[in-house]
Amino acid sequence: MSEPRILVAGIGNIFLGDDAFGVEVVRRLSRRVLPDYVRVVDYGIRGLDLAYALLDGYDLAILVDAAGRGEDPGTLYVLEPEIRDADVNASQPVLMEAHGMNPMRVLDMVRAMGGRPQRVLVVGCEPATLGDEFEGTMGLSAPVEAAVDGAIAMVESLIAQWGGPPGPHPAPRPACETFTKEKISHGTYTA
């Protein structure tokens, strides 16, 4: 059996408070020892770059992002966005934002360009604040900052599920629930 190709993509705007969650998770994750078949990238707000990466034939893409679902700030989720083939034939153009990223629009763009990611999961965190879009807010709120290590553990757990155990780690891993495919929430994901 060949090793899977896994992409871990950090998403978010560092100038909008907790929107930087995905960027911070991949920044810390990139300092850890991971299997060679895992690529960890900070995409920030570069949706077009992420779309092209998703066309590159990854077996699993893990998007790490702030994801409001109405829970307490710092709550972590593992979600699987619905990717509907029926949407591919839509005649509407896919519009990308120059200074923002909507992951669902990125997935729409991938489909419009003839691609279909094998599997996409989202490790999301409930934000406390996204700041003011005109003045910005630097740094994560306390509950979201406290959730970063748990999110890293979730990503490592997902990598282990799809590709075998991750490599040795320079620091002890935090305790983490194992997220089975049955525990992944399916449904609508919006950012």
Protein backbone atom coordinates (compact mmCIF):
# COMPACT_ATOMS: atom_id res chain seq x y z
CA MET A 1 0.00 0.00 0.00
CA SER A 2 1.43 3.39 -0.95
CA GLU A 3 1.49 6.29 1.46
CA PRO A 4 -1.30 8.84 1.10
CA ARG A 5 -0.64 12.45 0.19
CA ILE A 6 -2.04 14.77 2.85
CA LEU A 7 -2.29 18.56 2.76
CA VAL A 8 -2.81 20.55 5.97
CA ALA A 9 -3.88 24.08 5.01
CA GLY A 10 -4.02 26.95 7.48
CA ILE A 11 -6.65 29.53 6.55
CA GLY A 12 -7.26 32.97 7.98
CA ASN A 13 -6.41 36.63 8.20
CA ILE A 14 -3.86 37.50 10.90
CA PHE A 15 -5.26 41.03 11.13
CA LEU A 16 -8.76 39.88 12.16
CA GLY A 17 -8.35 38.40 15.65
CA ASP A 18 -9.50 34.79 15.90
CA ASP A 19 -9.64 34.50 12.11
CA ALA A 20 -5.90 33.82 12.47
CA PHE A 21 -6.62 30.49 14.19
CA GLY A 22 -5.76 28.30 11.18
CA VAL A 23 -2.60 30.27 10.46
CA GLU A 24 -1.40 29.85 14.06
CA VAL A 25 -2.17 26.12 14.14
CA VAL A 26 -0.15 25.41 10.98
CA ARG A 27 2.67 27.71 12.15
CA ARG A 28 3.08 25.57 15.26
CA LEU A 29 2.39 22.32 13.45
CA SER A 30 5.12 23.07 10.89
CA ARG A 31 7.70 22.91 13.70
CA ARG A 32 6.70 19.34 14.55
CA VAL A 33 8.08 16.19 12.97
CA LEU A 34 5.47 14.80 10.58
CA PRO A 35 5.58 12.04 7.97
CA ASP A 36 7.10 12.97 4.61
CA TYR A 37 3.75 12.53 2.87
CA VAL A 38 2.22 15.43 4.87
CA ARG A 39 2.53 18.96 3.53
CA VAL A 40 1.71 21.81 5.96
CA VAL A 41 1.08 25.23 4.38
CA ASP A 42 -0.13 28.63 5.63
CA TYR A 43 -2.48 29.81 2.87
CA GLY A 44 -3.75 32.78 4.88
CA ILE A 45 -6.19 34.51 2.54
CA ARG A 46 -4.72 33.15 -0.71
CA GLY A 47 -7.74 31.23 -2.00
CA LEU A 48 -6.46 30.83 -5.54
CA ASP A 49 -3.23 29.23 -4.29
CA LEU A 50 -5.26 26.81 -2.17
CA ALA A 51 -7.49 25.94 -5.14
CA TYR A 52 -4.46 25.06 -7.27
CA ALA A 53 -3.01 22.98 -4.42
CA LEU A 54 -6.27 21.05 -4.12
CA LEU A 55 -6.01 20.22 -7.83
CA ASP A 56 -2.71 18.47 -7.12
CA GLY A 57 -4.26 15.10 -6.22
CA TYR A 58 -4.08 14.95 -2.43
CA ASP A 59 -5.80 11.97 -0.83
CA LEU A 60 -6.81 14.10 2.14
CA ALA A 61 -6.91 17.88 2.63
CA ILE A 62 -7.32 19.15 6.19
CA LEU A 63 -8.36 22.80 6.25
CA VAL A 64 -7.76 24.53 9.60
CA ASP A 65 -9.96 27.57 10.06
CA ALA A 66 -12.06 29.65 12.43
CA ALA A 67 -15.59 28.28 12.05
CA GLY A 68 -18.54 29.85 13.82
CA ARG A 69 -21.24 27.30 14.63
CA GLY A 70 -22.83 28.97 17.66
CA GLU A 71 -20.91 27.17 20.42
CA ASP A 72 -18.66 28.60 23.14
CA PRO A 73 -15.48 30.33 21.90
CA GLY A 74 -12.62 27.84 21.64
CA THR A 75 -14.88 24.86 20.84
CA LEU A 76 -13.18 22.63 18.27
CA TYR A 77 -14.91 20.79 15.44
CA VAL A 78 -14.02 18.27 12.79
CA LEU A 79 -16.32 18.87 9.83
CA GLU A 80 -16.64 17.41 6.37
CA PRO A 81 -18.02 19.90 3.88
CA GLU A 82 -20.62 18.65 1.45
CA ILE A 83 -19.15 18.57 -2.02
CA ARG A 84 -22.01 18.07 -4.41
CA ASP A 85 -21.35 17.01 -7.97
CA ALA A 86 -24.58 18.71 -9.07
CA ASP A 87 -23.00 22.08 -8.30
CA VAL A 88 -20.27 21.47 -10.90
CA ASN A 89 -22.68 22.06 -13.77
CA ALA A 90 -23.90 25.40 -12.44
CA SER A 91 -23.51 28.14 -15.00
CA GLN A 92 -22.67 30.83 -12.46
CA PRO A 93 -19.07 32.04 -12.41
CA VAL A 94 -17.01 31.35 -9.29
CA LEU A 95 -15.87 34.64 -7.79
CA MET A 96 -12.77 34.75 -5.62
CA GLU A 97 -12.11 37.51 -3.11
CA ALA A 98 -8.77 39.30 -3.45
CA HIS A 99 -8.35 39.98 0.28
CA GLY A 100 -10.28 37.19 1.93
CA MET A 101 -10.89 33.49 1.65
CA ASN A 102 -14.11 31.56 1.73
CA PRO A 103 -13.15 27.87 1.71
CA MET A 104 -16.44 26.84 0.11
CA ARG A 105 -15.76 29.20 -2.80
CA VAL A 106 -12.31 27.65 -3.10
CA LEU A 107 -13.91 24.19 -3.32
CA ASP A 108 -16.37 25.56 -5.90
CA MET A 109 -13.43 26.88 -7.93
CA VAL A 110 -11.68 23.50 -7.77
CA ARG A 111 -14.82 21.83 -9.13
CA ALA A 112 -15.22 24.51 -11.81
CA MET A 113 -11.65 23.78 -12.94
CA GLY A 114 -12.51 20.10 -13.28
CA GLY A 115 -11.05 18.87 -9.99
CA ARG A 116 -12.59 17.02 -7.10
CA PRO A 117 -10.57 16.57 -3.93
CA GLN A 118 -10.62 12.98 -2.68
CA ARG A 119 -11.48 13.95 0.91
CA VAL A 120 -11.69 17.35 2.60
CA LEU A 121 -12.00 17.79 6.35
CA VAL A 122 -12.09 21.00 8.35
CA VAL A 123 -10.63 21.36 11.82
CA GLY A 124 -12.53 24.42 12.97
CA CYS A 125 -12.58 26.54 16.09
CA GLU A 126 -15.44 28.70 17.36
CA PRO A 127 -14.11 32.29 17.36
CA ALA A 128 -14.68 34.79 20.15
CA THR A 129 -13.94 37.83 18.00
CA LEU A 130 -12.97 38.52 14.43
CA GLY A 131 -12.20 42.12 15.25
CA ASP A 132 -13.17 45.16 13.29
CA GLU A 133 -12.53 44.79 9.55
CA PHE A 134 -11.53 48.47 9.27
CA GLU A 135 -9.19 48.69 12.26
CA GLY A 136 -8.27 45.02 12.66
CA THR A 137 -7.36 43.07 15.76
CA MET A 138 -4.02 41.35 16.22
CA GLY A 139 -3.74 38.12 18.19
CA LEU A 140 -6.06 35.34 19.23
CA SER A 141 -8.54 35.66 22.08
CA ALA A 142 -7.75 33.65 25.23
CA PRO A 143 -10.22 30.78 24.56
CA VAL A 144 -9.08 30.37 20.95
CA GLU A 145 -5.40 30.55 21.93
CA ALA A 146 -6.09 27.81 24.50
CA ALA A 147 -7.63 25.63 21.75
CA VAL A 148 -4.58 25.67 19.44
CA ASP A 149 -2.82 22.69 21.06
CA GLY A 150 -6.04 20.67 20.94
CA ALA A 151 -6.41 21.48 17.25
CA ILE A 152 -2.84 20.32 16.60
CA ALA A 153 -3.68 17.06 18.35
CA MET A 154 -6.83 16.72 16.21
CA VAL A 155 -4.85 17.24 13.00
CA GLU A 156 -2.25 14.69 14.09
CA SER A 157 -5.03 12.23 14.95
CA LEU A 158 -6.57 12.66 11.49
CA ILE A 159 -3.15 12.20 9.85
CA ALA A 160 -2.65 9.00 11.85
CA GLN A 161 -6.09 7.70 10.80
CA TRP A 162 -5.49 8.24 7.11
CA GLY A 163 -1.79 7.56 6.87
CA GLY A 164 -0.39 5.73 9.85
CA PRO A 165 1.24 7.03 12.99
CA PRO A 166 2.91 10.41 12.83
CA GLY A 167 6.67 10.57 13.32
CA PRO A 168 8.43 11.26 16.60
CA HIS A 169 7.55 14.50 18.32
CA PRO A 170 9.95 16.89 20.04
CA ALA A 171 7.40 17.57 22.81
CA PRO A 172 4.77 15.33 24.45
CA ARG A 173 1.44 15.28 22.63
CA PRO A 174 -1.56 16.65 24.51
CA ALA A 175 -4.31 14.20 25.31
CA CYS A 176 -6.79 14.07 22.45
CA GLU A 177 -9.93 12.18 21.68
CA THR A 178 -9.54 9.95 18.63
CA PHE A 179 -11.81 11.27 15.93
CA THR A 180 -13.27 8.37 14.03
CA LYS A 181 -14.93 8.83 10.70
CA GLU A 182 -18.26 8.32 12.46
CA LYS A 183 -17.60 11.29 14.78
CA ILE A 184 -16.92 13.72 11.96
CA SER A 185 -19.80 16.10 11.55
CA HIS A 186 -21.13 16.21 8.00
CA GLY A 187 -22.99 19.13 6.60
CA THR A 188 -22.73 22.72 5.63
CA TYR A 189 -19.52 24.53 6.37
CA THR A 190 -19.26 28.24 5.85
CA ALA A 191 -16.45 30.53 6.82
